[in-house]
Amino acid sequence: MTPLPSTLHEKGRSKISRVERKSNTVPTVNGTMKVAVYYNNDDVRLEKRPIPTLGPGDLLVKTEACGLCAGETAEAYQAKRAPRVIGHEPTGMVVAVGPGVTKFKEGDRIFAHHHVPCMSCHFCNRGLYTLCEHFRQTHLDPGAFAEYFRVPAENAQLDTLLLPDSVSFEAGTIIEPMGCVLKGIRQTPIQLGDTVAIVGDGFMGLCFVQLVRLSPASRIVSVGHNDWRLEKARSLGATHTINSKTEDTVATLRDLNEGRGADAVFVTVPNLQADDLGLALCARGAALHLNAPPPPNAVWQVNPNQLFFREIRINSAYSASHIDTRAVLDLLASGRVDAKALITHRFGLDGVEEAIHLHLTKREGYLKSLIIPALTAA
């Protein structure tokens, strides 16, 4: 029997006591692991769970790093599904494979997407993979804020990607969220010479800055209210910044853009005020992309007469598909985007609650937190 990687037996980690690898049997993994169980934003508990059992085509992955998504701090959405193990932006190392797996082997460094489509329904046939009903029904088991997680066979087959040596485990955690950004840019045309405005200077807003920088836009305007993050936006490719707390955002944009609004506007803040600002920043004929959902009961008051005569096109994008994640990985591998600049904080599994509070308060110097099981106190 081939021994498991020695990193699995480091002090403070759960131990896999036995793995059966005969090709005609389902691998069995004995032991428990530490997981962070979400009850609400003020109650995330470090608990023990059995290590997931593998079936045909499945992968068992030791979690190396996983990003905290803003959606995982939205208590109104998360608490009604609690208790649960959250975490859906992971990278890790394959430690066991189920029968029939030929694409991956033990020791592979991977990114795994938590949702995959069926590839055969009406929406998939139209290329609208994230609208597939099956998409939201697929999940990593039990979630990636855990020492180990199971990648179901369909996820392993369709959207689990090998990380090249040039992409670190930490960098790989931005594949999923930046994939969501890339999807939004794909459906929002940017032409040579365009002015692009990005409302929001947080992690997602800076992902947009990096990817729009690769477009033919002439001006990239980052709009936010934190001078530190706006300066970060400039370092990542914004040509101009506007502090919406201290400046008249619409007037300032028009002043620097020959009296016009922006040709494409991306809104990354989940409230109606940001949507209103995004629409106000649009020039005639502009495209407005809504990247963040306001609360479920919010109603946006928009004048359709103005939309008609100004020819404003509005679109939105939920999640990312296998096409987007592969493209982001390629951008990371080629050095076209900088993941390191976006990651500011790291916590163990025992620090998820602190990471949630940090995200909600958005203190100076914060952009993105990673949960790294190896940092968990023994």
Protein backbone atom coordinates (compact mmCIF):
# COMPACT_ATOMS: atom_id res chain seq x y z
CA MET A 1 0.00 0.00 0.00
CA THR A 2 1.39 3.40 -0.98
CA PRO A 3 1.73 5.66 2.08
CA LEU A 4 -0.25 8.87 2.20
CA PRO A 5 1.61 12.17 1.93
CA SER A 6 3.41 12.95 5.17
CA THR A 7 1.66 16.30 5.45
CA LEU A 8 -1.46 14.46 6.52
CA HIS A 9 0.26 13.42 9.72
CA GLU A 10 1.45 16.82 10.87
CA LYS A 11 0.81 17.77 14.45
CA GLY A 12 -2.69 19.10 15.04
CA ARG A 13 -4.21 17.51 11.92
CA SER A 14 -6.81 14.74 11.82
CA LYS A 15 -5.25 11.47 10.71
CA ILE A 16 -6.45 9.11 8.04
CA SER A 17 -6.01 5.70 9.55
CA ARG A 18 -6.81 3.52 6.54
CA VAL A 19 -7.43 3.94 2.83
CA GLU A 20 -8.48 1.00 0.67
CA ARG A 21 -7.31 1.48 -2.91
CA LYS A 22 -8.18 -1.69 -4.74
CA SER A 23 -9.54 -0.67 -8.12
CA ASN A 24 -12.71 -2.76 -7.82
CA THR A 25 -13.74 -1.42 -4.40
CA VAL A 26 -14.84 1.91 -3.02
CA PRO A 27 -12.03 3.50 -0.96
CA THR A 28 -12.83 3.72 2.75
CA VAL A 29 -11.25 6.41 4.90
CA ASN A 30 -11.44 6.08 8.66
CA GLY A 31 -11.08 8.95 11.09
CA THR A 32 -12.48 12.33 11.98
CA MET A 33 -11.64 15.84 10.93
CA LYS A 34 -12.05 19.36 12.23
CA VAL A 35 -14.74 21.47 10.60
CA ALA A 36 -16.05 25.00 11.16
CA VAL A 37 -19.83 24.76 11.56
CA TYR A 38 -21.82 27.93 10.88
CA TYR A 39 -24.85 28.60 13.11
CA ASN A 40 -24.95 32.36 12.65
CA ASN A 41 -22.47 35.21 12.24
CA ASP A 42 -21.78 35.24 15.98
CA ASP A 43 -21.68 31.47 16.42
CA VAL A 44 -19.26 29.43 14.33
CA ARG A 45 -18.07 26.31 16.16
CA LEU A 46 -15.04 24.12 15.66
CA GLU A 47 -16.43 20.57 15.64
CA LYS A 48 -15.41 17.06 14.66
CA ARG A 49 -17.03 15.22 11.75
CA PRO A 50 -16.28 11.91 10.04
CA ILE A 51 -14.01 12.21 7.02
CA PRO A 52 -16.29 11.88 3.95
CA THR A 53 -16.68 8.46 2.32
CA LEU A 54 -15.77 8.20 -1.35
CA GLY A 55 -17.91 6.76 -4.11
CA PRO A 56 -17.05 5.97 -7.73
CA GLY A 57 -15.46 8.97 -9.43
CA ASP A 58 -15.11 10.98 -6.21
CA LEU A 59 -12.01 12.68 -4.84
CA LEU A 60 -10.94 13.19 -1.24
CA VAL A 61 -9.06 16.47 -0.90
CA LYS A 62 -7.06 17.88 2.00
CA THR A 63 -7.99 21.55 2.20
CA GLU A 64 -5.03 23.86 1.84
CA ALA A 65 -6.88 27.18 1.57
CA CYS A 66 -10.40 28.48 1.00
CA GLY A 67 -11.63 32.03 0.55
CA LEU A 68 -14.42 33.54 2.63
CA CYS A 69 -17.15 34.73 0.25
CA ALA A 70 -19.18 37.85 1.03
CA GLY A 71 -22.32 35.75 0.57
CA GLU A 72 -21.22 33.59 3.48
CA THR A 73 -21.47 36.61 5.77
CA ALA A 74 -25.08 37.37 4.73
CA GLU A 75 -26.76 36.08 7.88
CA ALA A 76 -30.32 36.43 6.59
CA TYR A 77 -29.45 33.94 3.86
CA GLN A 78 -27.06 31.64 5.72
CA ALA A 79 -28.75 31.28 9.12
CA LYS A 80 -31.92 29.72 7.71
CA ARG A 81 -29.78 26.87 6.34
CA ALA A 82 -27.71 26.45 9.50
CA PRO A 83 -26.05 24.55 10.99
CA ARG A 84 -23.81 23.88 8.04
CA VAL A 85 -20.19 23.80 6.93
CA ILE A 86 -19.61 26.69 4.55
CA GLY A 87 -16.65 27.39 2.24
CA HIS A 88 -16.81 27.11 -1.54
CA GLU A 89 -13.60 28.68 -2.90
CA PRO A 90 -11.09 25.93 -2.10
CA THR A 91 -7.82 24.55 -3.22
CA GLY A 92 -6.18 21.44 -1.85
CA MET A 93 -4.30 18.22 -2.42
CA VAL A 94 -5.89 14.98 -3.55
CA VAL A 95 -5.31 12.27 -0.93
CA ALA A 96 -7.57 9.50 -2.25
CA VAL A 97 -9.53 8.79 -5.42
CA GLY A 98 -12.66 6.71 -5.98
CA PRO A 99 -13.00 3.82 -8.42
CA GLY A 100 -12.87 4.84 -12.06
CA VAL A 101 -10.90 8.04 -11.54
CA THR A 102 -8.21 8.45 -14.19
CA LYS A 103 -8.01 12.23 -14.45
CA PHE A 104 -6.51 12.74 -10.97
CA LYS A 105 -4.18 10.92 -8.62
CA GLU A 106 -2.98 11.21 -5.05
CA GLY A 107 -0.73 14.22 -4.58
CA ASP A 108 -2.36 16.35 -7.28
CA ARG A 109 -2.81 20.03 -6.42
CA ILE A 110 -6.31 21.11 -7.41
CA PHE A 111 -9.04 23.74 -7.43
CA ALA A 112 -12.59 22.39 -7.17
CA HIS A 113 -15.74 24.28 -8.15
CA HIS A 114 -18.69 23.72 -5.81
CA HIS A 115 -21.38 23.85 -8.53
CA VAL A 116 -21.54 22.20 -11.94
CA PRO A 117 -24.36 22.03 -14.52
CA CYS A 118 -25.98 18.94 -16.02
CA MET A 119 -24.73 19.84 -19.54
CA SER A 120 -27.89 18.53 -21.21
CA CYS A 121 -30.89 20.69 -20.21
CA HIS A 122 -32.47 23.59 -22.12
CA PHE A 123 -30.32 26.18 -20.34
CA CYS A 124 -27.07 24.24 -20.75
CA ASN A 125 -27.79 23.81 -24.44
CA ARG A 126 -28.08 27.60 -24.66
CA GLY A 127 -24.78 28.07 -22.81
CA LEU A 128 -26.54 29.38 -19.69
CA TYR A 129 -24.85 26.88 -17.41
CA THR A 130 -25.41 28.69 -14.11
CA LEU A 131 -29.19 28.76 -14.73
CA CYS A 132 -29.30 24.97 -14.96
CA GLU A 133 -31.57 23.62 -12.18
CA HIS A 134 -28.94 21.00 -11.37
CA PHE A 135 -26.25 23.67 -10.87
CA ARG A 136 -27.32 24.72 -7.36
CA GLN A 137 -27.94 21.12 -6.33
CA THR A 138 -24.26 20.20 -6.57
CA HIS A 139 -21.98 20.85 -3.60
CA LEU A 140 -18.67 19.95 -2.06
CA ASP A 141 -19.05 17.60 0.91
CA PRO A 142 -19.42 18.92 3.60
CA GLY A 143 -18.00 22.29 2.55
CA ALA A 144 -14.42 23.49 2.41
CA PHE A 145 -14.08 25.06 5.86
CA ALA A 146 -12.89 21.63 6.92
CA GLU A 147 -9.64 19.71 6.99
CA TYR A 148 -10.88 17.48 4.15
CA PHE A 149 -13.70 17.63 1.64
CA ARG A 150 -15.16 15.25 -0.93
CA VAL A 151 -15.44 16.33 -4.54
CA PRO A 152 -18.42 14.48 -6.06
CA ALA A 153 -17.78 12.62 -9.30
CA GLU A 154 -19.58 15.13 -11.52
CA ASN A 155 -17.69 18.07 -10.01
CA ALA A 156 -14.42 16.16 -10.36
CA GLN A 157 -15.11 15.43 -13.99
CA LEU A 158 -16.40 18.81 -15.15
CA ASP A 159 -14.83 21.57 -13.06
CA THR A 160 -11.93 20.39 -10.93
CA LEU A 161 -8.68 21.81 -12.26
CA LEU A 162 -5.04 20.89 -11.76
CA LEU A 163 -3.03 23.80 -10.41
CA PRO A 164 0.25 24.35 -12.23
CA ASP A 165 3.35 24.87 -10.10
CA SER A 166 3.22 28.59 -10.85
CA VAL A 167 -0.16 28.95 -9.08
CA SER A 168 -0.05 28.66 -5.30
CA PHE A 169 -2.85 27.18 -3.21
CA GLU A 170 -3.63 30.68 -1.94
CA ALA A 171 -3.75 32.18 -5.44
CA GLY A 172 -6.02 29.39 -6.62
CA THR A 173 -8.73 30.42 -4.16
CA ILE A 174 -9.62 33.42 -6.31
CA ILE A 175 -10.52 31.24 -9.31
CA GLU A 176 -14.20 30.95 -8.34
CA PRO A 177 -14.93 34.57 -7.37
CA MET A 178 -12.89 36.01 -10.22
CA GLY A 179 -14.70 33.58 -12.52
CA CYS A 180 -17.94 35.30 -11.48
CA VAL A 181 -16.37 38.62 -12.45
CA LEU A 182 -15.15 37.30 -15.77
CA LYS A 183 -18.63 36.03 -16.61
CA GLY A 184 -20.01 39.52 -16.04
CA ILE A 185 -17.37 41.08 -18.28
CA ARG A 186 -18.02 38.53 -21.03
CA GLN A 187 -21.63 39.68 -21.31
CA THR A 188 -20.94 43.41 -21.02
CA PRO A 189 -19.27 44.67 -24.21
CA ILE A 190 -16.24 46.93 -23.84
CA GLN A 191 -15.00 48.55 -27.04
CA LEU A 192 -11.73 50.20 -27.91
CA GLY A 193 -11.58 53.62 -26.29
CA ASP A 194 -14.46 53.03 -23.85
CA THR A 195 -14.66 54.45 -20.35
CA VAL A 196 -15.52 51.86 -17.71
CA ALA A 197 -16.75 52.67 -14.20
CA ILE A 198 -16.63 50.12 -11.38
CA VAL A 199 -18.83 50.89 -8.37
CA GLY A 200 -17.31 49.32 -5.25
CA ASP A 201 -13.69 49.18 -4.09
CA GLY A 202 -13.81 45.85 -2.26
CA PHE A 203 -12.44 42.50 -3.34
CA MET A 204 -14.88 41.98 -6.20
CA GLY A 205 -14.49 45.55 -7.40
CA LEU A 206 -10.72 45.10 -7.58
CA CYS A 207 -11.20 41.82 -9.45
CA PHE A 208 -13.13 43.83 -12.03
CA VAL A 209 -10.32 46.40 -12.18
CA GLN A 210 -7.77 43.67 -12.93
CA LEU A 211 -9.83 42.02 -15.65
CA VAL A 212 -11.07 45.25 -17.25
CA ARG A 213 -7.41 46.27 -17.44
CA LEU A 214 -7.02 43.45 -19.98
CA SER A 215 -9.80 44.92 -22.15
CA PRO A 216 -9.46 47.71 -24.78
CA ALA A 217 -10.94 50.32 -22.41
CA SER A 218 -9.14 53.67 -22.32
CA ARG A 219 -10.32 54.78 -18.87
CA ILE A 220 -10.98 52.56 -15.87
CA VAL A 221 -12.63 54.47 -13.03
CA SER A 222 -12.84 52.86 -9.58
CA VAL A 223 -15.59 54.32 -7.39
CA GLY A 224 -15.52 53.71 -3.64
CA HIS A 225 -15.28 55.37 -0.25
CA ASN A 226 -12.01 54.06 1.20
CA ASP A 227 -8.81 55.84 0.20
CA TRP A 228 -6.63 52.80 0.95
CA ARG A 229 -8.67 50.55 -1.32
CA LEU A 230 -8.89 53.20 -4.02
CA GLU A 231 -5.11 53.47 -4.01
CA LYS A 232 -4.97 49.69 -4.32
CA ALA A 233 -7.30 49.98 -7.32
CA ARG A 234 -4.84 52.36 -8.97
CA SER A 235 -1.99 49.93 -8.38
CA LEU A 236 -4.02 47.17 -10.06
CA GLY A 237 -4.96 49.09 -13.18
CA ALA A 238 -7.50 51.84 -12.49
CA THR A 239 -6.65 55.01 -14.40
CA HIS A 240 -8.85 57.18 -12.15
CA THR A 241 -10.51 56.88 -8.74
CA ILE A 242 -13.45 58.70 -7.19
CA ASN A 243 -14.18 58.78 -3.47
CA SER A 244 -17.97 58.78 -3.34
CA LYS A 245 -17.97 60.07 0.24
CA THR A 246 -16.08 63.25 -0.53
CA GLU A 247 -16.80 63.88 -4.22
CA ASP A 248 -19.84 64.29 -6.46
CA THR A 249 -19.35 60.99 -8.24
CA VAL A 250 -21.40 61.68 -11.37
CA ALA A 251 -20.01 65.21 -11.86
CA THR A 252 -16.43 64.04 -11.31
CA LEU A 253 -16.80 61.25 -13.84
CA ARG A 254 -18.21 63.63 -16.43
CA ASP A 255 -15.41 66.13 -15.78
CA LEU A 256 -12.73 63.55 -16.54
CA ASN A 257 -14.66 62.01 -19.44
CA GLU A 258 -15.40 64.96 -21.74
CA GLY A 259 -18.84 65.54 -20.25
CA ARG A 260 -20.06 61.96 -20.76
CA GLY A 261 -20.90 59.13 -18.44
CA ALA A 262 -19.28 55.71 -18.69
CA ASP A 263 -19.80 53.32 -21.60
CA ALA A 264 -19.86 50.29 -19.29
CA VAL A 265 -20.64 50.29 -15.57
CA PHE A 266 -20.13 47.38 -13.16
CA VAL A 267 -21.86 47.52 -9.77
CA THR A 268 -20.30 45.28 -7.11
CA VAL A 269 -22.13 46.52 -4.00
CA PRO A 270 -25.31 44.67 -2.89
CA ASN A 271 -27.69 47.55 -2.28
CA LEU A 272 -30.11 49.71 -4.24
CA GLN A 273 -28.15 52.92 -3.64
CA ALA A 274 -25.21 51.40 -5.52
CA ASP A 275 -27.53 50.32 -8.34
CA ASP A 276 -28.92 53.86 -8.54
CA LEU A 277 -25.39 55.27 -8.71
CA GLY A 278 -24.42 52.77 -11.38
CA LEU A 279 -27.36 53.80 -13.54
CA ALA A 280 -26.61 57.50 -13.00
CA LEU A 281 -23.03 56.94 -14.19
CA CYS A 282 -24.17 55.46 -17.51
CA ALA A 283 -23.71 57.38 -20.73
CA ARG A 284 -26.27 57.05 -23.50
CA GLY A 285 -25.98 53.58 -25.00
CA ALA A 286 -24.09 52.22 -21.99
CA ALA A 287 -24.22 48.71 -20.58
CA LEU A 288 -24.91 48.34 -16.85
CA HIS A 289 -23.87 45.11 -15.15
CA LEU A 290 -25.22 44.20 -11.70
CA ASN A 291 -22.73 41.91 -9.97
CA ALA A 292 -24.17 41.87 -6.43
CA PRO A 293 -27.75 41.06 -5.37
CA PRO A 294 -29.61 43.45 -3.04
CA PRO A 295 -31.77 41.88 -0.28
CA PRO A 296 -34.53 39.58 -1.61
CA ASN A 297 -37.36 41.99 -0.72
CA ALA A 298 -35.71 45.05 -2.27
CA VAL A 299 -37.57 46.72 -5.13
CA TRP A 300 -35.60 48.92 -7.52
CA GLN A 301 -37.46 51.96 -8.80
CA VAL A 302 -36.29 52.51 -12.39
CA ASN A 303 -37.82 54.74 -15.05
CA PRO A 304 -38.23 52.52 -18.15
CA ASN A 305 -38.86 55.58 -20.33
CA GLN A 306 -35.33 56.79 -19.62
CA LEU A 307 -33.91 53.33 -20.24
CA PHE A 308 -35.65 53.26 -23.60
CA PHE A 309 -34.55 56.65 -24.91
CA ARG A 310 -31.05 56.40 -23.47
CA GLU A 311 -30.75 52.81 -24.79
CA ILE A 312 -29.30 51.51 -21.52
CA ARG A 313 -28.72 47.75 -21.49
CA ILE A 314 -28.86 46.07 -18.07
CA ASN A 315 -27.58 42.58 -17.32
CA SER A 316 -26.56 40.48 -14.33
CA ALA A 317 -24.57 37.32 -13.71
CA TYR A 318 -24.95 34.71 -11.02
CA SER A 319 -21.93 32.53 -10.21
CA ALA A 320 -19.45 31.18 -12.78
CA SER A 321 -19.25 28.22 -15.12
CA HIS A 322 -16.49 25.77 -15.98
CA ILE A 323 -15.60 28.04 -18.91
CA ASP A 324 -14.92 30.99 -16.61
CA THR A 325 -12.90 29.06 -14.01
CA ARG A 326 -10.60 27.59 -16.66
CA ALA A 327 -10.01 31.03 -18.16
CA VAL A 328 -9.14 32.55 -14.76
CA LEU A 329 -6.72 29.72 -14.02
CA ASP A 330 -5.00 30.40 -17.33
CA LEU A 331 -4.75 34.10 -16.45
CA LEU A 332 -3.23 33.25 -13.08
CA ALA A 333 -0.76 30.82 -14.61
CA SER A 334 0.35 33.40 -17.17
CA GLY A 335 0.75 36.14 -14.55
CA ARG A 336 -1.87 38.38 -16.16
CA VAL A 337 -3.75 38.82 -12.86
CA ASP A 338 -2.34 39.27 -9.36
CA ALA A 339 -4.02 37.19 -6.67
CA LYS A 340 -1.51 38.03 -3.95
CA ALA A 341 -2.50 41.69 -4.00
CA LEU A 342 -6.11 40.79 -3.21
CA ILE A 343 -5.54 38.50 -0.19
CA THR A 344 -5.00 40.39 3.06
CA HIS A 345 -5.91 38.10 5.99
CA ARG A 346 -5.56 34.43 6.95
CA PHE A 347 -7.27 32.43 9.69
CA GLY A 348 -7.49 28.84 10.86
CA LEU A 349 -10.75 26.91 11.11
CA ASP A 350 -11.10 28.33 14.60
CA GLY A 351 -11.03 31.87 13.17
CA VAL A 352 -14.00 31.76 10.77
CA GLU A 353 -16.19 33.81 13.10
CA GLU A 354 -13.46 36.45 13.39
CA ALA A 355 -13.06 36.48 9.62
CA ILE A 356 -16.80 37.06 9.18
CA HIS A 357 -16.75 40.02 11.59
CA LEU A 358 -13.69 41.44 9.85
CA HIS A 359 -15.50 41.30 6.51
CA LEU A 360 -18.59 43.01 7.92
CA THR A 361 -16.59 45.85 9.50
CA LYS A 362 -14.20 46.19 6.54
CA ARG A 363 -11.40 47.67 8.57
CA GLU A 364 -8.57 49.59 6.92
CA GLY A 365 -6.29 47.25 4.99
CA TYR A 366 -8.91 44.51 4.50
CA LEU A 367 -9.87 42.95 1.17
CA LYS A 368 -10.10 39.16 1.40
CA SER A 369 -9.69 36.50 4.09
CA LEU A 370 -8.56 32.94 3.56
CA ILE A 371 -9.34 30.04 5.86
CA ILE A 372 -6.28 27.77 6.11
CA PRO A 373 -6.84 24.61 8.18
CA ALA A 374 -3.10 24.30 8.91
CA LEU A 375 -3.38 27.50 10.98
CA THR A 376 -6.01 25.98 13.29
CA ALA A 377 -4.89 25.77 16.91
CA ALA A 378 -4.18 22.24 18.07
